[in-house]
Amino acid sequence: MKLKITILFFVTTFLTSCQGQNSKAVVQNLDVKNYAERLDKTENPQLIDVRTPQEFASEKINDAKNINWNGTDFVAQVEKLDKSKPVFVYCKVGGRSAQAADKLAELGFKEIYNLDGGIMKWNASGMAKPSSDKLVGMSPDEYQKLINSDKKVVINFGAEWCAPCKKMKPYISRLQEDLKDKVKIVRLDADENKSLINHMKIDGLPVIIIYENGKETWRNTGFLSEEDLRKQL
């Protein structure tokens, strides 16, 4: 009797494990090149931008449809799509779209492609087609004047929606005050300075760049602890 129960337990565990793996297997995280190629080869692709309507209005990949992952009707909207055909998702840097992709798999979509690095990687790779010559935020010339200083200059690019940026914000603000006589620390919002972000080909957030005499000497993309930043300063 114990042997039968043991066998039944292992069979049940195996089947459950396999079902979980199958649901995940339909999601593929692709880099910009492979994402673009797959998108191009797909007839009438279901391309979904899962960012907020405000983000979508400011920039998007051509022919994308906006279905906000953080909206109240995400599931209702994606249920209108064809689950038997490929669906492509992206967001700003890949976090929200990865969550959305997993949800689509859970809902029964068979073929899901997530853009690794999001639209920031897409733009930085040169895939974006300029929609306008309008300057958004600081110009490259203004930025150059900002970093030309007899002090060491630290630029922190972040965004309100970026969780690691929010985590770093308190200590960045504290360092701005503590080191103001020795180091010039400037926080810049990536969404408010899109022209500069594209010009510098910044493809992730948060970003810390250190300059000395107008020349870049160190850069970090992703979360950075206060201790590690202090080591560089």
Protein backbone atom coordinates (compact mmCIF):
# COMPACT_ATOMS: atom_id res chain seq x y z
CA MET A 1 0.00 0.00 0.00
CA LYS A 2 2.83 2.39 0.92
CA LEU A 3 4.54 1.55 -2.39
CA LYS A 4 1.40 2.46 -4.36
CA ILE A 5 1.06 5.77 -2.50
CA THR A 6 4.73 6.57 -3.15
CA ILE A 7 4.39 5.81 -6.87
CA LEU A 8 1.20 7.89 -7.10
CA PHE A 9 2.98 10.83 -5.39
CA PHE A 10 5.91 10.77 -7.81
CA VAL A 11 3.62 10.47 -10.87
CA THR A 12 1.49 13.39 -9.68
CA THR A 13 4.59 15.48 -8.97
CA PHE A 14 6.05 14.67 -12.39
CA LEU A 15 2.85 15.57 -14.25
CA THR A 16 2.46 18.83 -12.31
CA SER A 17 6.07 19.73 -12.99
CA CYS A 18 5.70 19.01 -16.70
CA GLN A 19 2.55 21.10 -16.94
CA GLY A 20 4.37 24.03 -15.33
CA GLN A 21 7.29 23.67 -17.72
CA ASN A 22 4.98 23.56 -20.75
CA SER A 23 3.24 26.78 -19.73
CA LYS A 24 6.62 28.51 -19.48
CA ALA A 25 8.00 26.95 -22.67
CA VAL A 26 5.74 29.04 -24.92
CA VAL A 27 7.44 32.27 -23.78
CA GLN A 28 10.64 33.21 -25.60
CA ASN A 29 12.76 36.18 -24.53
CA LEU A 30 14.44 37.54 -27.66
CA ASP A 31 17.09 40.19 -28.15
CA VAL A 32 16.34 43.11 -30.46
CA LYS A 33 17.76 41.49 -33.61
CA ASN A 34 15.88 38.20 -33.26
CA TYR A 35 12.70 39.92 -32.07
CA ALA A 36 12.72 42.21 -35.11
CA GLU A 37 13.39 39.32 -37.49
CA ARG A 38 10.61 37.19 -36.00
CA LEU A 39 8.26 40.16 -36.08
CA ASP A 40 9.08 40.83 -39.72
CA LYS A 41 8.46 37.21 -40.74
CA THR A 42 5.06 37.06 -39.00
CA GLU A 43 2.04 38.03 -41.10
CA ASN A 44 -0.18 40.56 -39.32
CA PRO A 45 1.62 40.14 -35.97
CA GLN A 46 -0.17 40.72 -32.68
CA LEU A 47 2.23 43.32 -31.26
CA ILE A 48 1.36 44.49 -27.75
CA ASP A 49 2.87 47.43 -25.88
CA VAL A 50 2.07 46.78 -22.21
CA ARG A 51 3.15 50.20 -20.88
CA THR A 52 0.82 52.97 -19.75
CA PRO A 53 -1.15 54.98 -22.33
CA GLN A 54 1.03 58.01 -21.54
CA GLU A 55 4.25 56.10 -22.30
CA PHE A 56 2.71 54.61 -25.42
CA ALA A 57 1.67 58.06 -26.70
CA SER A 58 5.22 59.37 -26.47
CA GLU A 59 6.93 56.51 -28.37
CA LYS A 60 6.11 53.06 -29.67
CA ILE A 61 7.13 50.35 -32.09
CA ASN A 62 5.24 50.73 -35.36
CA ASP A 63 1.85 48.94 -35.55
CA ALA A 64 1.82 48.14 -31.81
CA LYS A 65 -1.43 48.06 -29.84
CA ASN A 66 -1.46 49.39 -26.29
CA ILE A 67 -2.81 47.08 -23.56
CA ASN A 68 -1.65 48.36 -20.18
CA TRP A 69 -0.30 45.56 -17.98
CA ASN A 70 -1.10 47.63 -14.90
CA GLY A 71 -4.58 48.50 -16.17
CA THR A 72 -7.74 46.95 -14.75
CA ASP A 73 -8.79 45.36 -18.05
CA PHE A 74 -5.58 43.69 -19.23
CA VAL A 75 -7.00 40.16 -19.20
CA ALA A 76 -10.26 41.23 -20.84
CA GLN A 77 -8.36 42.99 -23.64
CA VAL A 78 -5.91 40.19 -24.42
CA GLU A 79 -8.72 37.64 -24.43
CA LYS A 80 -9.85 39.33 -27.66
CA LEU A 81 -6.61 38.24 -29.37
CA ASP A 82 -6.10 34.98 -31.31
CA LYS A 83 -4.46 32.53 -28.91
CA SER A 84 -3.39 30.22 -31.73
CA LYS A 85 -1.23 32.89 -33.38
CA PRO A 86 2.06 34.44 -32.19
CA VAL A 87 1.85 37.41 -29.85
CA PHE A 88 4.71 39.87 -29.29
CA VAL A 89 5.00 41.92 -26.10
CA TYR A 90 7.31 44.69 -24.96
CA CYS A 91 7.54 47.47 -22.37
CA LYS A 92 10.21 50.01 -21.40
CA VAL A 93 13.00 47.69 -20.23
CA GLY A 94 11.42 44.21 -20.24
CA GLY A 95 10.10 43.75 -16.69
CA ARG A 96 6.41 44.38 -17.15
CA SER A 97 6.31 42.58 -20.49
CA ALA A 98 7.92 39.49 -18.91
CA GLN A 99 5.10 39.41 -16.35
CA ALA A 100 2.54 39.97 -19.10
CA ALA A 101 4.08 37.16 -21.17
CA ASP A 102 3.73 34.72 -18.27
CA LYS A 103 0.10 35.75 -17.87
CA LEU A 104 -0.54 35.18 -21.58
CA ALA A 105 0.94 31.68 -21.25
CA GLU A 106 -1.34 31.06 -18.27
CA LEU A 107 -4.32 32.18 -20.37
CA GLY A 108 -3.52 29.65 -23.09
CA PHE A 109 -1.55 31.58 -25.72
CA LYS A 110 0.65 29.15 -27.64
CA GLU A 111 3.51 31.33 -28.93
CA ILE A 112 4.72 34.39 -27.04
CA TYR A 113 7.76 36.58 -27.71
CA ASN A 114 9.06 39.08 -25.16
CA LEU A 115 11.49 41.84 -26.16
CA ASP A 116 14.48 41.52 -23.84
CA GLY A 117 15.49 45.02 -22.71
CA GLY A 118 12.27 46.59 -23.99
CA ILE A 119 11.94 49.66 -26.14
CA MET A 120 15.06 51.20 -24.59
CA LYS A 121 17.18 48.44 -26.14
CA TRP A 122 15.16 48.76 -29.35
CA ASN A 123 15.88 52.49 -29.60
CA ALA A 124 19.53 52.16 -28.56
CA SER A 125 20.11 49.55 -31.26
CA GLY A 126 18.96 51.99 -33.94
CA MET A 127 15.73 50.13 -34.73
CA ALA A 128 13.51 53.10 -33.93
CA LYS A 129 12.44 55.24 -36.85
CA PRO A 130 12.59 58.95 -35.98
CA SER A 131 9.04 60.26 -35.66
CA SER A 132 10.03 63.86 -35.24
CA ASP A 133 13.00 66.18 -35.00
CA LYS A 134 11.46 67.78 -31.93
CA LEU A 135 13.84 68.01 -28.99
CA VAL A 136 12.51 66.38 -25.83
CA GLY A 137 14.36 67.56 -22.74
CA MET A 138 18.02 68.45 -22.52
CA SER A 139 20.06 68.75 -25.72
CA PRO A 140 23.47 67.04 -26.15
CA ASP A 141 25.14 70.48 -26.09
CA GLU A 142 23.45 71.39 -22.82
CA TYR A 143 24.49 68.04 -21.38
CA GLN A 144 28.10 68.64 -22.37
CA LYS A 145 28.05 71.99 -20.57
CA LEU A 146 26.59 70.25 -17.52
CA ILE A 147 29.42 67.72 -17.28
CA ASN A 148 32.19 70.23 -17.94
CA SER A 149 33.25 71.09 -14.40
CA ASP A 150 36.33 71.35 -12.22
CA LYS A 151 34.50 69.00 -9.83
CA LYS A 152 33.86 65.31 -10.38
CA VAL A 153 30.37 65.03 -11.96
CA VAL A 154 27.94 62.17 -11.31
CA ILE A 155 24.88 61.81 -13.55
CA ASN A 156 22.06 59.53 -12.44
CA PHE A 157 19.47 58.64 -15.11
CA GLY A 158 16.28 57.17 -13.70
CA ALA A 159 12.49 57.14 -14.04
CA GLU A 160 9.44 57.22 -11.80
CA TRP A 161 8.28 53.75 -12.88
CA CYS A 162 11.72 52.18 -12.29
CA ALA A 163 11.84 50.21 -9.00
CA PRO A 164 15.66 50.15 -8.65
CA CYS A 165 15.71 53.91 -9.37
CA LYS A 166 13.27 54.52 -6.52
CA LYS A 167 15.39 52.37 -4.22
CA MET A 168 18.50 54.41 -5.04
CA LYS A 169 16.83 57.84 -4.89
CA PRO A 170 17.08 58.42 -1.10
CA TYR A 171 20.82 57.80 -0.90
CA ILE A 172 21.50 59.73 -4.13
CA SER A 173 19.70 62.72 -2.61
CA ARG A 174 21.70 62.30 0.60
CA LEU A 175 25.00 62.20 -1.31
CA GLN A 176 24.01 65.33 -3.24
CA GLU A 177 23.97 67.21 0.07
CA ASP A 178 26.86 65.44 1.81
CA LEU A 179 29.30 65.82 -1.09
CA LYS A 180 28.13 69.08 -2.63
CA ASP A 181 31.48 70.80 -2.04
CA LYS A 182 33.46 68.06 -3.80
CA VAL A 183 31.14 66.29 -6.25
CA LYS A 184 28.41 67.54 -8.54
CA ILE A 185 25.57 64.99 -8.52
CA VAL A 186 22.67 65.43 -10.96
CA ARG A 187 19.55 63.27 -11.30
CA LEU A 188 17.89 63.24 -14.74
CA ASP A 189 14.54 61.68 -15.61
CA ALA A 190 14.91 59.45 -18.68
CA ASP A 191 11.31 60.00 -19.79
CA GLU A 192 11.71 63.77 -19.67
CA ASN A 193 14.98 63.64 -21.63
CA LYS A 194 14.21 61.19 -24.44
CA SER A 195 16.33 63.00 -27.03
CA LEU A 196 19.39 62.76 -24.79
CA ILE A 197 18.69 59.11 -23.93
CA ASN A 198 18.48 58.22 -27.63
CA HIS A 199 21.55 60.29 -28.50
CA MET A 200 23.61 58.54 -25.80
CA LYS A 201 22.12 55.12 -26.70
CA ILE A 202 21.26 54.39 -23.09
CA ASP A 203 19.51 51.02 -23.06
CA GLY A 204 18.66 50.40 -19.41
CA LEU A 205 17.89 52.06 -16.08
CA PRO A 206 19.07 53.18 -13.62
CA VAL A 207 22.37 54.48 -14.99
CA ILE A 208 25.22 56.14 -13.09
CA ILE A 209 27.92 57.90 -15.13
CA ILE A 210 30.96 59.58 -13.58
CA TYR A 211 32.85 62.35 -15.40
CA GLU A 212 36.12 64.09 -14.72
CA ASN A 213 37.03 67.20 -16.73
CA GLY A 214 34.13 66.46 -19.08
CA LYS A 215 35.31 62.91 -19.83
CA GLU A 216 33.48 59.75 -18.85
CA THR A 217 35.54 57.67 -16.43
CA TRP A 218 33.03 55.11 -15.12
CA ARG A 219 29.52 53.84 -15.84
CA ASN A 220 27.08 51.41 -14.24
CA THR A 221 23.71 50.21 -15.54
CA GLY A 222 21.32 48.64 -13.04
CA PHE A 223 20.96 48.92 -9.28
CA LEU A 224 24.03 50.20 -7.46
CA SER A 225 24.41 50.28 -3.68
CA GLU A 226 25.48 53.42 -1.83
CA GLU A 227 28.61 51.62 -0.66
CA ASP A 228 29.65 50.72 -4.20
CA LEU A 229 29.05 54.23 -5.48
CA ARG A 230 31.05 55.74 -2.62
CA LYS A 231 33.97 53.49 -3.60
CA GLN A 232 33.98 55.14 -7.05
CA LEU A 233 33.85 58.61 -5.55
